[in-house]
Protein backbone atom coordinates (compact mmCIF):
# COMPACT_ATOMS: atom_id res chain seq x y z
CA MET A 1 0.00 0.00 0.00
CA THR A 2 1.40 3.33 -1.02
CA GLU A 3 1.41 6.16 1.46
CA ALA A 4 -0.36 9.40 0.59
CA PRO A 5 2.11 12.14 -0.21
CA LEU A 6 2.63 14.63 2.54
CA ALA A 7 1.04 18.03 1.93
CA ALA A 8 3.57 20.73 1.24
CA PRO A 9 3.88 23.08 4.19
CA ARG A 10 2.25 26.46 3.67
CA ARG A 11 4.68 29.27 3.16
CA ARG A 12 4.16 32.07 5.61
CA ILE A 13 4.45 35.58 4.25
CA PRO A 14 6.72 37.55 6.55
CA TRP A 15 4.87 40.54 8.01
CA LEU A 16 7.73 42.78 6.93
CA ALA A 17 6.86 41.98 3.31
CA LEU A 18 3.41 43.51 3.87
CA LEU A 19 4.81 46.69 5.37
CA PRO A 20 5.14 48.62 2.05
CA VAL A 21 1.55 47.78 1.16
CA LEU A 22 0.28 48.92 4.56
CA VAL A 23 2.25 52.17 4.30
CA PHE A 24 0.85 52.82 0.83
CA VAL A 25 -2.74 52.23 1.99
CA ALA A 26 -2.25 54.51 5.01
CA LEU A 27 -0.83 57.29 2.84
CA ALA A 28 -3.67 56.93 0.33
CA ILE A 29 -6.24 57.28 3.12
CA LEU A 30 -4.45 60.30 4.57
CA PHE A 31 -4.26 61.94 1.13
CA ALA A 32 -7.98 61.38 0.55
CA ILE A 33 -8.86 62.88 3.93
CA ARG A 34 -6.72 65.95 3.29
CA LEU A 35 -8.08 66.35 -0.24
CA TYR A 36 -11.77 66.17 0.57
CA SER A 37 -11.92 67.80 4.00
CA GLY A 38 -11.36 71.28 5.30
CA ASP A 39 -11.97 74.68 3.83
CA PRO A 40 -10.06 75.25 0.56
CA SER A 41 -10.39 79.01 1.02
CA ARG A 42 -7.97 78.75 3.95
CA LEU A 43 -5.14 77.42 1.81
CA PRO A 44 -2.11 79.64 2.31
CA SER A 45 -0.92 81.88 -0.49
CA ALA A 46 2.76 82.58 -1.02
CA LEU A 47 1.85 85.97 -2.49
CA ILE A 48 0.25 87.45 0.63
CA GLY A 49 2.33 90.44 1.69
CA LYS A 50 4.15 90.56 -1.65
CA GLN A 51 3.78 92.76 -4.69
CA VAL A 52 1.40 91.78 -7.47
CA PRO A 53 3.17 89.90 -10.26
CA ALA A 54 4.16 91.68 -13.45
CA PHE A 55 1.47 91.23 -16.11
CA ARG A 56 -0.37 93.02 -18.88
CA LEU A 57 -3.77 91.83 -20.09
CA PRO A 58 -5.59 92.93 -23.25
CA PRO A 59 -9.27 93.86 -22.99
CA ILE A 60 -12.04 91.37 -23.57
CA GLU A 61 -12.82 91.75 -27.26
CA GLY A 62 -15.94 93.86 -27.76
CA LEU A 63 -15.81 95.53 -24.33
CA PRO A 64 -14.59 99.11 -23.82
CA GLY A 65 -11.25 99.70 -22.14
CA ASP A 66 -7.64 98.79 -22.71
CA GLY A 67 -7.34 95.82 -20.33
CA PHE A 68 -5.13 96.36 -17.30
CA SER A 69 -1.70 95.63 -15.87
CA GLU A 70 0.12 95.60 -12.54
CA ALA A 71 0.68 99.35 -12.89
CA ASP A 72 -3.09 99.89 -12.51
CA LEU A 73 -2.94 98.19 -9.10
CA LYS A 74 -0.24 100.52 -7.74
CA GLY A 75 -1.97 103.86 -8.03
CA GLY A 76 -2.54 104.42 -4.33
CA ARG A 77 -6.08 103.05 -4.17
CA VAL A 78 -7.24 99.67 -2.87
CA SER A 79 -8.13 97.20 -5.61
CA ILE A 80 -10.22 94.05 -5.76
CA VAL A 81 -9.12 91.61 -8.46
CA ASN A 82 -11.60 88.86 -9.27
CA ILE A 83 -10.73 85.89 -11.47
CA PHE A 84 -13.86 84.69 -13.28
CA ALA A 85 -15.07 82.79 -16.33
CA SER A 86 -18.43 82.39 -18.02
CA TRP A 87 -18.12 78.58 -17.88
CA CYS A 88 -17.57 78.68 -14.09
CA VAL A 89 -20.81 77.83 -12.24
CA PRO A 90 -19.61 79.13 -8.82
CA CYS A 91 -18.74 82.44 -10.52
CA ARG A 92 -22.44 82.93 -11.16
CA ASP A 93 -23.23 82.24 -7.51
CA GLU A 94 -20.75 84.82 -6.21
CA HIS A 95 -21.50 87.52 -8.79
CA PRO A 96 -24.24 89.24 -6.73
CA PHE A 97 -21.66 89.88 -4.00
CA LEU A 98 -19.31 91.48 -6.52
CA MET A 99 -22.15 93.68 -7.72
CA LYS A 100 -22.88 94.59 -4.10
CA MET A 101 -19.27 95.63 -3.54
CA SER A 102 -19.19 97.69 -6.73
CA GLN A 103 -22.21 99.66 -5.49
CA ASP A 104 -21.17 100.01 -1.83
CA PRO A 105 -21.06 103.77 -1.02
CA LYS A 106 -18.29 103.31 1.57
CA LEU A 107 -16.05 101.53 -0.92
CA LYS A 108 -16.83 104.09 -3.61
CA ASP A 109 -15.96 106.95 -1.26
CA ALA A 110 -12.65 105.22 -0.45
CA GLY A 111 -11.87 104.92 -4.16
CA VAL A 112 -11.80 101.12 -4.19
CA ARG A 113 -11.53 99.80 -7.74
CA MET A 114 -12.65 96.43 -9.06
CA PHE A 115 -10.84 94.51 -11.78
CA GLY A 116 -12.00 91.39 -13.57
CA LEU A 117 -9.49 88.84 -14.87
CA ASN A 118 -11.35 86.71 -17.41
CA TYR A 119 -9.76 83.25 -17.34
CA LYS A 120 -9.51 80.98 -20.40
CA ASP A 121 -12.78 82.22 -21.83
CA GLU A 122 -14.27 83.00 -25.21
CA PRO A 123 -14.83 86.77 -25.61
CA LYS A 124 -18.42 86.30 -26.76
CA ASN A 125 -19.25 84.16 -23.72
CA ALA A 126 -17.56 86.62 -21.36
CA ARG A 127 -19.53 89.54 -22.82
CA GLU A 128 -22.82 87.63 -22.52
CA PHE A 129 -21.99 86.66 -18.92
CA LEU A 130 -21.46 90.30 -17.91
CA ALA A 131 -24.49 91.46 -19.88
CA GLN A 132 -26.69 88.93 -18.10
CA PHE A 133 -25.39 89.24 -14.53
CA GLY A 134 -24.05 92.80 -14.53
CA ASN A 135 -20.56 94.22 -14.82
CA PRO A 136 -19.06 95.16 -11.43
CA TYR A 137 -15.58 95.77 -12.86
CA GLY A 138 -14.04 99.11 -13.68
CA LEU A 139 -11.57 97.32 -15.97
CA THR A 140 -11.43 93.80 -17.33
CA GLY A 141 -8.59 91.86 -18.90
CA ALA A 142 -8.60 88.67 -20.95
CA ASP A 143 -6.26 85.89 -19.85
CA ARG A 144 -7.10 83.39 -22.59
CA PRO A 145 -3.85 81.37 -22.29
CA GLY A 146 -4.07 81.36 -18.46
CA ARG A 147 -0.48 82.63 -18.07
CA ALA A 148 -1.32 85.59 -15.82
CA ALA A 149 -3.44 83.40 -13.55
CA ILE A 150 -0.46 81.08 -13.07
CA ASP A 151 1.69 84.05 -12.04
CA TRP A 152 -1.00 85.05 -9.56
CA GLY A 153 -0.89 81.54 -8.06
CA VAL A 154 -4.50 80.81 -8.95
CA TYR A 155 -5.75 77.34 -7.96
CA GLY A 156 -8.98 77.65 -9.96
CA VAL A 157 -11.85 80.00 -10.61
CA PRO A 158 -13.28 81.91 -8.93
CA GLU A 159 -10.65 83.58 -6.77
CA THR A 160 -10.55 87.10 -5.39
CA PHE A 161 -7.60 89.22 -4.25
CA VAL A 162 -7.57 92.36 -2.15
CA VAL A 163 -4.63 94.59 -3.13
CA ARG A 164 -3.39 97.56 -1.14
CA GLY A 165 -2.73 100.89 -2.84
CA ASP A 166 0.98 100.18 -3.16
CA GLY A 167 0.37 96.92 -5.04
CA THR A 168 0.82 94.60 -2.05
CA ILE A 169 -1.52 91.60 -1.99
CA ALA A 170 -3.33 91.76 1.34
CA TYR A 171 -5.84 88.90 1.08
CA LYS A 172 -6.78 86.00 -1.16
CA GLN A 173 -10.15 84.28 -1.28
CA ILE A 174 -10.05 80.84 -2.87
CA GLY A 175 -13.43 79.72 -4.13
CA PRO A 176 -16.67 81.65 -4.47
CA ILE A 177 -17.68 84.54 -2.27
CA ASN A 178 -20.72 83.68 -0.18
CA ASP A 179 -22.70 85.41 2.54
CA GLU A 180 -20.48 84.14 5.37
CA ASN A 181 -17.05 84.93 3.93
CA PHE A 182 -18.33 88.19 2.45
CA ARG A 183 -19.19 89.46 5.95
CA THR A 184 -16.35 87.90 7.94
CA ARG A 185 -13.40 87.95 5.52
CA ILE A 186 -13.80 89.89 2.29
CA MET A 187 -15.22 93.16 3.62
CA PRO A 188 -12.95 93.21 6.71
CA ALA A 189 -9.94 92.62 4.44
CA VAL A 190 -10.98 95.49 2.16
CA GLU A 191 -11.60 97.80 5.12
CA ALA A 192 -8.22 96.88 6.65
CA ALA A 193 -6.50 97.63 3.33
CA ILE A 194 -8.26 101.00 3.17
CA ALA A 195 -7.20 101.79 6.75
CA ALA A 196 -3.62 100.76 6.00
CA GLY A 197 -3.51 103.18 3.08
CA ALA A 198 -5.00 105.99 5.16
CA ALA A 199 -2.50 105.54 8.00
CA PRO A 200 0.56 107.82 7.90
CA ALA A 201 3.77 106.11 6.82
CA LYS A 202 6.15 105.19 9.64
CA PRO A 203 9.44 107.08 9.66
């Protein structure tokens, strides 16, 4: 009678061999948590406290004006620079707040100017967007290639910058303006920039 062959012993996988897989899974989970949680508007900007980048934008075709450049943001008055596009759904949601700022008597009296940077958009669509929702901007510039937005460190549209009269970027809002951040961040940042310009220079 022949004996049944002995079963081959099972090979045990050393736990150290699983370590790279476990590390990868842990990092993937951490990345997902960081990506989909938190407030993107609180992302830091390397440009805060620095001068606006050098740029020159042509006007949106069919709209009056000559576009604008960094020189327009250094004339001694506080500026609000809003990056928008007609294809951007959140831009439509925030537009009433931009219109509200453009009509605010206190901001008008302080000489605050509003600029619109039209990002990767077709001129016809940009014109129709402003015709439909209103034009809060004193000057608009077309950034069809997206080069200027890169220099401004834009993550995506919409974004809004508050610029002091000397061209220093004082505040950056990532994402659409809404009722909460309009009251607690945007307007206080604009008012602080106005106050900073009104204060006498330190010797």
